[in-house]
Amino acid sequence: MTQLADLTPTQPGAANPITISEKGAQHAIAAIAGSGKENAGVRLFIKSGGCSGYQYGMAIDDRQLDGDTVVYDRGVKLVVDPMSLPLVKGGEIDFIENMMGGGFTVNNPNATSGCGCGHSFRTDGAAAQEGEGATGCGSH
């Protein structure tokens, strides 16, 4: 069953499973508009890999699958699958700009450690993976 939450500022105390910053929303709205997809949103997902164990992924998606959590925040439709939600619950999608360019990032309260690249994380408090079988930052 699909969960739907309208996370407008008029609902004080709403438990937001995932949010987006103002700057993130501006860039997401532009990306969605440029995608040509109707009724699209930002899908946030987690996959195994990265130098810290899990790796963030984002895509402009117009599909809604069984079990997806759908949230509307700052005018952006955010979609998270049921396997990824526990790993990012309470997180915020943001957009950062630095000397290397810019891009989306996730401020994740569930991450106990992360990689310097900001694209991968762990939730068990263990150190980042090293050696054989570990995926480095440059392989995202």
C-alpha atoms as a PDB file:
ATOM      1  CA  MET A   1       0.000   0.000   0.000  1.00  0.00           C
ATOM      2  CA  THR A   2       1.291   3.442  -0.895  1.00  0.00           C
ATOM      3  CA  GLN A   3       1.824   5.934   1.885  1.00  0.00           C
ATOM      4  CA  LEU A   4       1.127   9.561   1.027  1.00  0.00           C
ATOM      5  CA  ALA A   5       2.093  12.495   3.178  1.00  0.00           C
ATOM      6  CA  ASP A   6       1.613  16.148   2.245  1.00  0.00           C
ATOM      7  CA  LEU A   7       4.379  17.846   4.172  1.00  0.00           C
ATOM      8  CA  THR A   8       3.339  21.461   3.862  1.00  0.00           C
ATOM      9  CA  PRO A   9       4.372  23.932   6.556  1.00  0.00           C
ATOM     10  CA  THR A  10       0.733  24.159   7.587  1.00  0.00           C
ATOM     11  CA  GLN A  11       0.939  20.754   9.266  1.00  0.00           C
ATOM     12  CA  PRO A  12       2.914  21.413  12.432  1.00  0.00           C
ATOM     13  CA  GLY A  13       4.401  18.350  14.054  1.00  0.00           C
ATOM     14  CA  ALA A  14       4.059  16.162  10.959  1.00  0.00           C
ATOM     15  CA  ALA A  15       6.543  13.295  11.096  1.00  0.00           C
ATOM     16  CA  ASN A  16       8.486  13.840   7.886  1.00  0.00           C
ATOM     17  CA  PRO A  17      10.070  10.593   6.703  1.00  0.00           C
ATOM     18  CA  ILE A  18      12.241  12.579   4.240  1.00  0.00           C
ATOM     19  CA  THR A  19      12.511  16.281   3.404  1.00  0.00           C
ATOM     20  CA  ILE A  20      14.251  18.532   0.917  1.00  0.00           C
ATOM     21  CA  SER A  21      16.014  21.832   1.568  1.00  0.00           C
ATOM     22  CA  GLU A  22      14.953  25.040  -0.160  1.00  0.00           C
ATOM     23  CA  LYS A  23      18.037  24.995  -2.392  1.00  0.00           C
ATOM     24  CA  GLY A  24      17.535  21.292  -3.089  1.00  0.00           C
ATOM     25  CA  ALA A  25      13.912  21.942  -4.024  1.00  0.00           C
ATOM     26  CA  GLN A  26      14.868  24.696  -6.477  1.00  0.00           C
ATOM     27  CA  HIS A  27      17.302  22.410  -8.290  1.00  0.00           C
ATOM     28  CA  ALA A  28      14.934  19.430  -8.154  1.00  0.00           C
ATOM     29  CA  ILE A  29      12.058  21.437  -9.638  1.00  0.00           C
ATOM     30  CA  ALA A  30      14.333  22.547 -12.491  1.00  0.00           C
ATOM     31  CA  ALA A  31      15.528  18.966 -13.103  1.00  0.00           C
ATOM     32  CA  ILE A  32      11.977  17.607 -13.064  1.00  0.00           C
ATOM     33  CA  ALA A  33      10.802  20.313 -15.473  1.00  0.00           C
ATOM     34  CA  GLY A  34      13.687  19.498 -17.825  1.00  0.00           C
ATOM     35  CA  SER A  35      12.970  15.772 -17.747  1.00  0.00           C
ATOM     36  CA  GLY A  36       9.802  16.000 -19.814  1.00  0.00           C
ATOM     37  CA  LYS A  37       8.185  13.426 -17.526  1.00  0.00           C
ATOM     38  CA  GLU A  38       4.660  14.151 -16.357  1.00  0.00           C
ATOM     39  CA  ASN A  39       3.899  13.758 -12.635  1.00  0.00           C
ATOM     40  CA  ALA A  40       7.576  13.021 -11.940  1.00  0.00           C
ATOM     41  CA  GLY A  41       9.407  13.348  -8.671  1.00  0.00           C
ATOM     42  CA  VAL A  42      12.785  12.677  -7.106  1.00  0.00           C
ATOM     43  CA  ARG A  43      13.330   9.038  -6.229  1.00  0.00           C
ATOM     44  CA  LEU A  44      15.871   8.508  -3.454  1.00  0.00           C
ATOM     45  CA  PHE A  45      17.207   4.975  -3.161  1.00  0.00           C
ATOM     46  CA  ILE A  46      19.987   3.097  -1.434  1.00  0.00           C
ATOM     47  CA  LYS A  47      22.115   0.387  -2.971  1.00  0.00           C
ATOM     48  CA  SER A  48      24.919  -1.726  -1.592  1.00  0.00           C
ATOM     49  CA  GLY A  49      28.360  -0.492  -2.472  1.00  0.00           C
ATOM     50  CA  GLY A  50      30.415   2.604  -2.182  1.00  0.00           C
ATOM     51  CA  CYS A  51      33.481   2.820   0.006  1.00  0.00           C
ATOM     52  CA  SER A  52      31.421   2.862   3.218  1.00  0.00           C
ATOM     53  CA  GLY A  53      28.885   0.076   2.594  1.00  0.00           C
ATOM     54  CA  TYR A  54      25.797   1.806   1.199  1.00  0.00           C
ATOM     55  CA  GLN A  55      25.551   4.254  -1.652  1.00  0.00           C
ATOM     56  CA  TYR A  56      22.916   6.934  -2.302  1.00  0.00           C
ATOM     57  CA  GLY A  57      21.146   7.089  -5.623  1.00  0.00           C
ATOM     58  CA  MET A  58      18.685   9.635  -6.995  1.00  0.00           C
ATOM     59  CA  ALA A  59      16.680   9.764 -10.181  1.00  0.00           C
ATOM     60  CA  ILE A  60      13.831  11.701 -11.731  1.00  0.00           C
ATOM     61  CA  ASP A  61      11.059   9.115 -11.823  1.00  0.00           C
ATOM     62  CA  ASP A  62       7.423   9.201 -12.886  1.00  0.00           C
ATOM     63  CA  ARG A  63       6.665   5.707 -11.574  1.00  0.00           C
ATOM     64  CA  GLN A  64       5.161   4.843  -8.233  1.00  0.00           C
ATOM     65  CA  LEU A  65       5.657   1.252  -7.130  1.00  0.00           C
ATOM     66  CA  ASP A  66       3.841  -0.799  -4.485  1.00  0.00           C
ATOM     67  CA  GLY A  67       5.199   0.042  -1.064  1.00  0.00           C
ATOM     68  CA  ASP A  68       6.751   3.363  -2.077  1.00  0.00           C
ATOM     69  CA  THR A  69       6.493   6.210   0.396  1.00  0.00           C
ATOM     70  CA  VAL A  70       5.534   9.415  -1.404  1.00  0.00           C
ATOM     71  CA  VAL A  71       6.079  12.766   0.273  1.00  0.00           C
ATOM     72  CA  TYR A  72       5.435  16.288  -0.993  1.00  0.00           C
ATOM     73  CA  ASP A  73       7.819  18.870   0.448  1.00  0.00           C
ATOM     74  CA  ARG A  74       8.493  22.409  -0.827  1.00  0.00           C
ATOM     75  CA  GLY A  75       6.580  21.618  -4.011  1.00  0.00           C
ATOM     76  CA  VAL A  76       8.660  18.515  -4.807  1.00  0.00           C
ATOM     77  CA  LYS A  77       7.377  14.955  -4.955  1.00  0.00           C
ATOM     78  CA  LEU A  78       9.846  12.703  -3.108  1.00  0.00           C
ATOM     79  CA  VAL A  79       9.643   8.918  -3.531  1.00  0.00           C
ATOM     80  CA  VAL A  80      11.463   6.311  -1.413  1.00  0.00           C
ATOM     81  CA  ASP A  81      11.141   2.541  -1.738  1.00  0.00           C
ATOM     82  CA  PRO A  82      10.392   0.442   1.368  1.00  0.00           C
ATOM     83  CA  MET A  83      13.894  -1.105   1.541  1.00  0.00           C
ATOM     84  CA  SER A  84      15.632   2.292   1.450  1.00  0.00           C
ATOM     85  CA  LEU A  85      13.324   4.228   3.773  1.00  0.00           C
ATOM     86  CA  PRO A  86      14.658   2.872   7.103  1.00  0.00           C
ATOM     87  CA  LEU A  87      18.198   3.853   6.055  1.00  0.00           C
ATOM     88  CA  VAL A  88      17.282   7.463   5.207  1.00  0.00           C
ATOM     89  CA  LYS A  89      14.296   8.137   7.463  1.00  0.00           C
ATOM     90  CA  GLY A  90      14.536  11.647   8.902  1.00  0.00           C
ATOM     91  CA  GLY A  91      17.048  12.673   6.234  1.00  0.00           C
ATOM     92  CA  GLU A  92      17.105  15.784   4.094  1.00  0.00           C
ATOM     93  CA  ILE A  93      18.003  16.036   0.422  1.00  0.00           C
ATOM     94  CA  ASP A  94      20.120  19.119  -0.183  1.00  0.00           C
ATOM     95  CA  PHE A  95      22.060  20.700  -3.030  1.00  0.00           C
ATOM     96  CA  ILE A  96      25.608  21.830  -2.435  1.00  0.00           C
ATOM     97  CA  GLU A  97      27.994  23.821  -4.572  1.00  0.00           C
ATOM     98  CA  ASN A  98      31.734  23.825  -4.149  1.00  0.00           C
ATOM     99  CA  MET A  99      34.912  24.250  -6.191  1.00  0.00           C
ATOM    100  CA  MET A 100      34.345  20.834  -7.781  1.00  0.00           C
ATOM    101  CA  GLY A 101      30.883  21.804  -9.025  1.00  0.00           C
ATOM    102  CA  GLY A 102      27.552  21.067  -7.458  1.00  0.00           C
ATOM    103  CA  GLY A 103      25.195  18.251  -6.789  1.00  0.00           C
ATOM    104  CA  PHE A 104      22.598  16.694  -4.578  1.00  0.00           C
ATOM    105  CA  THR A 105      23.559  15.249  -1.221  1.00  0.00           C
ATOM    106  CA  VAL A 106      21.689  13.603   1.648  1.00  0.00           C
ATOM    107  CA  ASN A 107      21.988  14.798   5.233  1.00  0.00           C
ATOM    108  CA  ASN A 108      21.265  11.454   6.874  1.00  0.00           C
ATOM    109  CA  PRO A 109      20.826  11.153  10.662  1.00  0.00           C
ATOM    110  CA  ASN A 110      21.067   7.342  10.360  1.00  0.00           C
ATOM    111  CA  ALA A 111      24.609   7.376   8.980  1.00  0.00           C
ATOM    112  CA  THR A 112      27.158   6.506  11.651  1.00  0.00           C
ATOM    113  CA  SER A 113      30.113   7.010   9.312  1.00  0.00           C
ATOM    114  CA  GLY A 114      30.608   8.148   5.773  1.00  0.00           C
ATOM    115  CA  CYS A 115      33.124   8.474   3.039  1.00  0.00           C
ATOM    116  CA  GLY A 116      34.861  11.728   2.256  1.00  0.00           C
ATOM    117  CA  CYS A 117      33.078  11.815  -1.098  1.00  0.00           C
ATOM    118  CA  GLY A 118      29.678  12.131   0.619  1.00  0.00           C
ATOM    119  CA  HIS A 119      28.076   9.504  -1.612  1.00  0.00           C
ATOM    120  CA  SER A 120      28.336   6.476   0.645  1.00  0.00           C
ATOM    121  CA  PHE A 121      27.689   5.712   4.300  1.00  0.00           C
ATOM    122  CA  ARG A 122      27.365   3.067   7.022  1.00  0.00           C
ATOM    123  CA  THR A 123      24.679   2.690   9.674  1.00  0.00           C
ATOM    124  CA  ASP A 124      26.355   0.191  12.007  1.00  0.00           C
ATOM    125  CA  GLY A 125      29.108   2.412  13.407  1.00  0.00           C
ATOM    126  CA  ALA A 126      31.849   0.356  11.741  1.00  0.00           C
ATOM    127  CA  ALA A 127      34.737   1.960   9.909  1.00  0.00           C
ATOM    128  CA  ALA A 128      34.662   2.316   6.137  1.00  0.00           C
ATOM    129  CA  GLN A 129      35.525  -0.805   4.147  1.00  0.00           C
ATOM    130  CA  GLU A 130      39.090  -1.282   2.991  1.00  0.00           C
ATOM    131  CA  GLY A 131      40.952  -3.690   0.763  1.00  0.00           C
ATOM    132  CA  GLU A 132      39.636  -6.320  -1.582  1.00  0.00           C
ATOM    133  CA  GLY A 133      35.969  -5.998  -2.531  1.00  0.00           C
ATOM    134  CA  ALA A 134      35.686  -2.405  -1.328  1.00  0.00           C
ATOM    135  CA  THR A 135      34.477   0.066  -3.879  1.00  0.00           C
ATOM    136  CA  GLY A 136      36.348   3.351  -3.917  1.00  0.00           C
ATOM    137  CA  CYS A 137      35.003   6.876  -4.124  1.00  0.00           C
ATOM    138  CA  GLY A 138      35.904   7.200  -7.764  1.00  0.00           C
ATOM    139  CA  SER A 139      33.551   4.405  -8.833  1.00  0.00           C
ATOM    140  CA  HIS A 140      30.195   6.101  -8.229  1.00  0.00           C
END
